[in-house]
PDB file of N, CA and C in Angstrom:
ATOM      1  N   UNK A   1     116.366 -75.257 -78.639  1.00  0.00           N
ATOM      2  CA  UNK A   1     116.884 -74.079 -78.326  1.00  0.00           C
ATOM      3  C   UNK A   1     117.760 -73.279 -79.379  1.00  0.00           C
ATOM      4  N   UNK A   2     117.100 -72.127 -80.038  1.00  0.00           N
ATOM      5  CA  UNK A   2     117.817 -71.698 -80.973  1.00  0.00           C
ATOM      6  C   UNK A   2     119.448 -70.716 -80.631  1.00  0.00           C
ATOM      7  N   UNK A   3     119.953 -70.342 -81.389  1.00  0.00           N
ATOM      8  CA  UNK A   3     121.287 -69.509 -81.120  1.00  0.00           C
ATOM      9  C   UNK A   3     120.878 -68.321 -80.379  1.00  0.00           C
ATOM     10  N   UNK A   4     120.096 -67.436 -80.587  1.00  0.00           N
ATOM     11  CA  UNK A   4     119.487 -66.546 -79.864  1.00  0.00           C
ATOM     12  C   UNK A   4     119.106 -66.772 -78.219  1.00  0.00           C
ATOM     13  N   UNK A   5     118.308 -67.751 -78.211  1.00  0.00           N
ATOM     14  CA  UNK A   5     118.011 -68.351 -76.817  1.00  0.00           C
ATOM     15  C   UNK A   5     119.399 -68.736 -76.034  1.00  0.00           C
ATOM     16  N   UNK A   6     120.191 -69.428 -76.653  1.00  0.00           N
ATOM     17  CA  UNK A   6     121.302 -69.898 -76.307  1.00  0.00           C
ATOM     18  C   UNK A   6     122.622 -68.738 -75.567  1.00  0.00           C
ATOM     19  N   UNK A   7     122.542 -67.683 -76.490  1.00  0.00           N
ATOM     20  CA  UNK A   7     123.272 -66.742 -76.002  1.00  0.00           C
ATOM     21  C   UNK A   7     122.678 -65.656 -75.076  1.00  0.00           C
ATOM     22  N   UNK A   8     121.520 -65.834 -74.857  1.00  0.00           N
ATOM     23  CA  UNK A   8     120.801 -64.989 -74.066  1.00  0.00           C
ATOM     24  C   UNK A   8     121.060 -65.680 -72.834  1.00  0.00           C
ATOM     25  N   UNK A   9     121.148 -66.967 -72.566  1.00  0.00           N
ATOM     26  CA  UNK A   9     121.301 -67.598 -71.379  1.00  0.00           C
ATOM     27  C   UNK A   9     122.702 -67.696 -70.982  1.00  0.00           C
ATOM     28  N   UNK A  10     123.778 -67.811 -71.864  1.00  0.00           N
ATOM     29  CA  UNK A  10     125.165 -67.780 -71.785  1.00  0.00           C
ATOM     30  C   UNK A  10     125.455 -66.189 -71.213  1.00  0.00           C
ATOM     31  N   UNK A  11     125.033 -65.221 -71.709  1.00  0.00           N
ATOM     32  CA  UNK A  11     125.362 -63.907 -71.361  1.00  0.00           C
ATOM     33  C   UNK A  11     124.720 -63.294 -70.142  1.00  0.00           C
ATOM     34  N   UNK A  12     123.711 -64.364 -69.700  1.00  0.00           N
ATOM     35  CA  UNK A  12     122.792 -63.995 -68.650  1.00  0.00           C
ATOM     36  C   UNK A  12     122.019 -62.577 -68.446  1.00  0.00           C
ATOM     37  N   UNK A  13     121.811 -62.296 -69.603  1.00  0.00           N
ATOM     38  CA  UNK A  13     120.771 -61.318 -70.106  1.00  0.00           C
ATOM     39  C   UNK A  13     119.253 -61.213 -69.444  1.00  0.00           C
ATOM     40  N   UNK A  14     118.766 -59.989 -68.912  1.00  0.00           N
ATOM     41  CA  UNK A  14     117.352 -59.912 -68.161  1.00  0.00           C
ATOM     42  C   UNK A  14     116.961 -59.031 -69.171  1.00  0.00           C
ATOM     43  N   UNK A  15     115.484 -59.112 -69.166  1.00  0.00           N
ATOM     44  CA  UNK A  15     114.539 -57.737 -69.849  1.00  0.00           C
ATOM     45  C   UNK A  15     115.049 -56.687 -69.086  1.00  0.00           C
ATOM     46  N   UNK A  16     114.856 -55.676 -69.976  1.00  0.00           N
ATOM     47  CA  UNK A  16     114.618 -55.515 -71.322  1.00  0.00           C
ATOM     48  C   UNK A  16     115.487 -55.849 -72.252  1.00  0.00           C
ATOM     49  N   UNK A  17     116.735 -56.214 -72.045  1.00  0.00           N
ATOM     50  CA  UNK A  17     117.822 -56.655 -72.870  1.00  0.00           C
ATOM     51  C   UNK A  17     117.681 -58.099 -73.562  1.00  0.00           C
ATOM     52  N   UNK A  18     117.946 -58.298 -74.632  1.00  0.00           N
ATOM     53  CA  UNK A  18     117.569 -59.304 -75.632  1.00  0.00           C
ATOM     54  C   UNK A  18     118.565 -59.507 -76.867  1.00  0.00           C
ATOM     55  N   UNK A  19     118.817 -60.599 -77.037  1.00  0.00           N
ATOM     56  CA  UNK A  19     119.812 -61.092 -78.175  1.00  0.00           C
ATOM     57  C   UNK A  19     118.944 -60.850 -79.489  1.00  0.00           C
ATOM     58  N   UNK A  20     119.323 -59.790 -80.307  1.00  0.00           N
ATOM     59  CA  UNK A  20     118.450 -59.681 -81.619  1.00  0.00           C
ATOM     60  C   UNK A  20     118.984 -60.343 -82.523  1.00  0.00           C
ATOM     61  N   UNK A  21     120.167 -60.611 -82.808  1.00  0.00           N
ATOM     62  CA  UNK A  21     120.609 -61.503 -83.934  1.00  0.00           C
ATOM     63  C   UNK A  21     121.983 -62.173 -83.650  1.00  0.00           C
ATOM     64  N   UNK A  22     122.205 -63.041 -84.078  1.00  0.00           N
ATOM     65  CA  UNK A  22     123.345 -64.054 -83.984  1.00  0.00           C
ATOM     66  C   UNK A  22     124.253 -64.665 -85.408  1.00  0.00           C
ATOM     67  N   UNK A  23     125.326 -64.258 -85.698  1.00  0.00           N
ATOM     68  CA  UNK A  23     125.878 -64.328 -87.010  1.00  0.00           C
ATOM     69  C   UNK A  23     127.142 -65.166 -86.829  1.00  0.00           C
ATOM     70  N   UNK A  24     127.355 -66.187 -87.159  1.00  0.00           N
ATOM     71  CA  UNK A  24     128.262 -67.377 -87.372  1.00  0.00           C
ATOM     72  C   UNK A  24     129.220 -66.989 -88.739  1.00  0.00           C
ATOM     73  N   UNK A  25     130.512 -66.451 -88.178  1.00  0.00           N
ATOM     74  CA  UNK A  25     131.367 -66.128 -89.739  1.00  0.00           C
ATOM     75  C   UNK A  25     132.505 -67.111 -89.478  1.00  0.00           C
ATOM     76  N   UNK A  26     132.322 -68.489 -89.792  1.00  0.00           N
ATOM     77  CA  UNK A  26     133.141 -69.331 -89.939  1.00  0.00           C
ATOM     78  C   UNK A  26     134.675 -68.997 -90.393  1.00  0.00           C
ATOM     79  N   UNK A  27     134.509 -68.193 -91.583  1.00  0.00           N
ATOM     80  CA  UNK A  27     136.112 -67.810 -92.276  1.00  0.00           C
ATOM     81  C   UNK A  27     136.863 -66.811 -91.197  1.00  0.00           C
ATOM     82  N   UNK A  28     136.003 -66.149 -90.671  1.00  0.00           N
ATOM     83  CA  UNK A  28     136.626 -65.021 -89.648  1.00  0.00           C
ATOM     84  C   UNK A  28     136.844 -65.910 -88.067  1.00  0.00           C
ATOM     85  N   UNK A  29     136.558 -67.020 -87.921  1.00  0.00           N
ATOM     86  CA  UNK A  29     136.423 -67.622 -86.613  1.00  0.00           C
ATOM     87  C   UNK A  29     135.674 -66.724 -85.718  1.00  0.00           C
ATOM     88  N   UNK A  30     134.607 -66.356 -86.068  1.00  0.00           N
ATOM     89  CA  UNK A  30     133.958 -65.243 -85.302  1.00  0.00           C
ATOM     90  C   UNK A  30     132.342 -65.380 -85.035  1.00  0.00           C
ATOM     91  N   UNK A  31     131.907 -65.265 -83.949  1.00  0.00           N
ATOM     92  CA  UNK A  31     130.327 -65.113 -83.902  1.00  0.00           C
ATOM     93  C   UNK A  31     130.073 -63.859 -83.358  1.00  0.00           C
ATOM     94  N   UNK A  32     129.172 -63.178 -84.189  1.00  0.00           N
ATOM     95  CA  UNK A  32     128.718 -61.915 -83.899  1.00  0.00           C
ATOM     96  C   UNK A  32     127.409 -62.019 -83.323  1.00  0.00           C
ATOM     97  N   UNK A  33     127.189 -61.180 -82.009  1.00  0.00           N
ATOM     98  CA  UNK A  33     125.949 -61.038 -81.186  1.00  0.00           C
ATOM     99  C   UNK A  33     125.790 -59.830 -81.234  1.00  0.00           C
ATOM    100  N   UNK A  34     124.478 -59.396 -81.541  1.00  0.00           N
ATOM    101  CA  UNK A  34     123.600 -58.292 -81.460  1.00  0.00           C
ATOM    102  C   UNK A  34     122.771 -58.276 -80.453  1.00  0.00           C
ATOM    103  N   UNK A  35     122.956 -57.320 -79.224  1.00  0.00           N
ATOM    104  CA  UNK A  35     122.116 -56.893 -78.190  1.00  0.00           C
ATOM    105  C   UNK A  35     121.016 -55.896 -78.609  1.00  0.00           C
ATOM    106  N   UNK A  36     119.978 -55.756 -77.822  1.00  0.00           N
ATOM    107  CA  UNK A  36     119.041 -54.513 -78.322  1.00  0.00           C
ATOM    108  C   UNK A  36     118.166 -54.682 -76.949  1.00  0.00           C
ATOM    109  N   UNK A  37     117.409 -53.635 -76.933  1.00  0.00           N
ATOM    110  CA  UNK A  37     116.288 -53.228 -75.975  1.00  0.00           C
ATOM    111  C   UNK A  37     114.923 -52.733 -76.685  1.00  0.00           C
ATOM    112  N   UNK A  38     113.969 -52.877 -76.312  1.00  0.00           N
ATOM    113  CA  UNK A  38     112.505 -52.418 -77.078  1.00  0.00           C
ATOM    114  C   UNK A  38     112.768 -50.916 -77.137  1.00  0.00           C
ATOM    115  N   UNK A  39     112.369 -50.344 -78.238  1.00  0.00           N
ATOM    116  CA  UNK A  39     111.997 -49.069 -77.909  1.00  0.00           C
ATOM    117  C   UNK A  39     111.542 -48.302 -76.764  1.00  0.00           C
ATOM    118  N   UNK A  40     110.421 -48.826 -76.181  1.00  0.00           N
ATOM    119  CA  UNK A  40     109.743 -48.505 -74.790  1.00  0.00           C
ATOM    120  C   UNK A  40     110.142 -48.750 -73.630  1.00  0.00           C
ATOM    121  N   UNK A  41     111.452 -49.458 -73.682  1.00  0.00           N
ATOM    122  CA  UNK A  41     112.085 -49.952 -72.478  1.00  0.00           C
ATOM    123  C   UNK A  41     112.350 -48.721 -71.522  1.00  0.00           C
ATOM    124  N   UNK A  42     112.339 -48.974 -70.123  1.00  0.00           N
ATOM    125  CA  UNK A  42     112.626 -47.875 -69.260  1.00  0.00           C
ATOM    126  C   UNK A  42     113.783 -48.337 -68.526  1.00  0.00           C
ATOM    127  N   UNK A  43     114.587 -47.586 -67.775  1.00  0.00           N
ATOM    128  CA  UNK A  43     115.663 -47.680 -67.165  1.00  0.00           C
ATOM    129  C   UNK A  43     115.457 -47.020 -65.857  1.00  0.00           C
ATOM    130  N   UNK A  44     116.266 -47.668 -64.769  1.00  0.00           N
ATOM    131  CA  UNK A  44     116.297 -46.781 -63.459  1.00  0.00           C
ATOM    132  C   UNK A  44     117.432 -45.849 -63.607  1.00  0.00           C
ATOM    133  N   UNK A  45     117.311 -44.659 -62.969  1.00  0.00           N
ATOM    134  CA  UNK A  45     118.438 -43.582 -62.748  1.00  0.00           C
ATOM    135  C   UNK A  45     119.200 -44.060 -61.512  1.00  0.00           C
ATOM    136  N   UNK A  46     120.693 -44.358 -61.821  1.00  0.00           N
ATOM    137  CA  UNK A  46     121.567 -44.783 -60.893  1.00  0.00           C
ATOM    138  C   UNK A  46     121.755 -43.984 -59.750  1.00  0.00           C
ATOM    139  N   UNK A  47     121.232 -42.474 -59.898  1.00  0.00           N
ATOM    140  CA  UNK A  47     121.099 -41.736 -58.839  1.00  0.00           C
ATOM    141  C   UNK A  47     119.890 -41.790 -57.573  1.00  0.00           C
ATOM    142  N   UNK A  48     118.812 -41.703 -58.440  1.00  0.00           N
ATOM    143  CA  UNK A  48     117.727 -41.384 -57.483  1.00  0.00           C
ATOM    144  C   UNK A  48     116.752 -42.827 -57.753  1.00  0.00           C
ATOM    145  N   UNK A  49     116.910 -43.630 -58.595  1.00  0.00           N
ATOM    146  CA  UNK A  49     116.102 -44.942 -58.917  1.00  0.00           C
ATOM    147  C   UNK A  49     114.945 -45.013 -59.454  1.00  0.00           C
ATOM    148  N   UNK A  50     114.428 -43.476 -59.877  1.00  0.00           N
ATOM    149  CA  UNK A  50     113.440 -43.345 -60.734  1.00  0.00           C
ATOM    150  C   UNK A  50     113.495 -43.977 -61.883  1.00  0.00           C
ATOM    151  N   UNK A  51     112.344 -44.733 -62.591  1.00  0.00           N
ATOM    152  CA  UNK A  51     112.269 -45.173 -63.864  1.00  0.00           C
ATOM    153  C   UNK A  51     112.053 -43.791 -64.771  1.00  0.00           C
ATOM    154  N   UNK A  52     112.828 -44.024 -65.860  1.00  0.00           N
ATOM    155  CA  UNK A  52     112.410 -43.288 -67.143  1.00  0.00           C
ATOM    156  C   UNK A  52     112.475 -43.731 -68.211  1.00  0.00           C
ATOM    157  N   UNK A  53     112.105 -43.169 -69.502  1.00  0.00           N
ATOM    158  CA  UNK A  53     112.406 -43.770 -70.649  1.00  0.00           C
ATOM    159  C   UNK A  53     113.903 -43.402 -71.076  1.00  0.00           C
ATOM    160  N   UNK A  54     114.349 -43.998 -71.847  1.00  0.00           N
ATOM    161  CA  UNK A  54     115.665 -43.589 -72.348  1.00  0.00           C
ATOM    162  C   UNK A  54     115.604 -42.630 -73.368  1.00  0.00           C
ATOM    163  N   UNK A  55     116.424 -41.622 -73.611  1.00  0.00           N
ATOM    164  CA  UNK A  55     116.180 -40.384 -74.588  1.00  0.00           C
ATOM    165  C   UNK A  55     117.130 -40.314 -75.489  1.00  0.00           C
ATOM    166  N   UNK A  56     118.271 -41.106 -75.314  1.00  0.00           N
ATOM    167  CA  UNK A  56     119.410 -41.165 -76.611  1.00  0.00           C
ATOM    168  C   UNK A  56     119.669 -42.451 -76.804  1.00  0.00           C
ATOM    169  N   UNK A  57     120.505 -42.693 -77.677  1.00  0.00           N
ATOM    170  CA  UNK A  57     120.969 -44.159 -78.179  1.00  0.00           C
ATOM    171  C   UNK A  57     122.430 -43.748 -78.635  1.00  0.00           C
ATOM    172  N   UNK A  58     123.385 -44.767 -77.913  1.00  0.00           N
ATOM    173  CA  UNK A  58     124.996 -44.374 -78.205  1.00  0.00           C
ATOM    174  C   UNK A  58     125.198 -45.237 -79.789  1.00  0.00           C
ATOM    175  N   UNK A  59     126.096 -45.105 -79.944  1.00  0.00           N
ATOM    176  CA  UNK A  59     126.750 -45.751 -81.204  1.00  0.00           C
ATOM    177  C   UNK A  59     126.788 -47.132 -80.917  1.00  0.00           C
ATOM    178  N   UNK A  60     127.015 -47.898 -81.947  1.00  0.00           N
ATOM    179  CA  UNK A  60     127.122 -49.227 -81.969  1.00  0.00           C
ATOM    180  C   UNK A  60     128.524 -49.801 -81.427  1.00  0.00           C
ATOM    181  N   UNK A  61     128.881 -50.520 -80.376  1.00  0.00           N
ATOM    182  CA  UNK A  61     129.962 -51.062 -79.757  1.00  0.00           C
ATOM    183  C   UNK A  61     130.307 -52.503 -79.901  1.00  0.00           C
ATOM    184  N   UNK A  62     131.477 -52.620 -80.045  1.00  0.00           N
ATOM    185  CA  UNK A  62     132.213 -54.198 -80.189  1.00  0.00           C
ATOM    186  C   UNK A  62     132.898 -54.380 -78.921  1.00  0.00           C
ATOM    187  N   UNK A  63     133.097 -55.693 -78.550  1.00  0.00           N
ATOM    188  CA  UNK A  63     133.992 -56.137 -77.572  1.00  0.00           C
ATOM    189  C   UNK A  63     134.211 -57.481 -77.888  1.00  0.00           C
ATOM    190  N   UNK A  64     135.542 -58.017 -77.309  1.00  0.00           N
ATOM    191  CA  UNK A  64     136.005 -59.486 -77.789  1.00  0.00           C
ATOM    192  C   UNK A  64     135.638 -60.090 -76.397  1.00  0.00           C
ATOM    193  N   UNK A  65     135.187 -61.335 -76.490  1.00  0.00           N
ATOM    194  CA  UNK A  65     135.104 -62.478 -75.489  1.00  0.00           C
ATOM    195  C   UNK A  65     135.910 -63.515 -75.955  1.00  0.00           C
ATOM    196  N   UNK A  66     136.819 -63.911 -75.404  1.00  0.00           N
ATOM    197  CA  UNK A  66     137.706 -65.044 -76.233  1.00  0.00           C
ATOM    198  C   UNK A  66     137.378 -66.265 -76.206  1.00  0.00           C
ATOM    199  N   UNK A  67     136.512 -66.787 -75.242  1.00  0.00           N
ATOM    200  CA  UNK A  67     136.076 -68.127 -75.561  1.00  0.00           C
ATOM    201  C   UNK A  67     134.477 -68.152 -75.141  1.00  0.00           C
ATOM    202  N   UNK A  68     133.843 -68.433 -75.814  1.00  0.00           N
ATOM    203  CA  UNK A  68     132.168 -68.604 -75.436  1.00  0.00           C
ATOM    204  C   UNK A  68     132.001 -69.921 -74.981  1.00  0.00           C
ATOM    205  N   UNK A  69     132.362 -71.056 -75.411  1.00  0.00           N
ATOM    206  CA  UNK A  69     132.094 -72.530 -74.824  1.00  0.00           C
ATOM    207  C   UNK A  69     133.259 -73.276 -74.981  1.00  0.00           C
TER     208      UNK A  69
END
């Protein structure tokens, strides 16, 4: 199992979401994990439940998770 697969399981991600990159920054005592979805992924509308393609992309965001393991 590689780092991407490990964090996919730890974070409980389900398709279409996936871990695209894992970067261990030892000097900063930090692990950076990038998540992504395929450009052709569809999502359900929270109001009507109908599937549709995404039409925009938000800026990259960060959040802090205190302890991974």
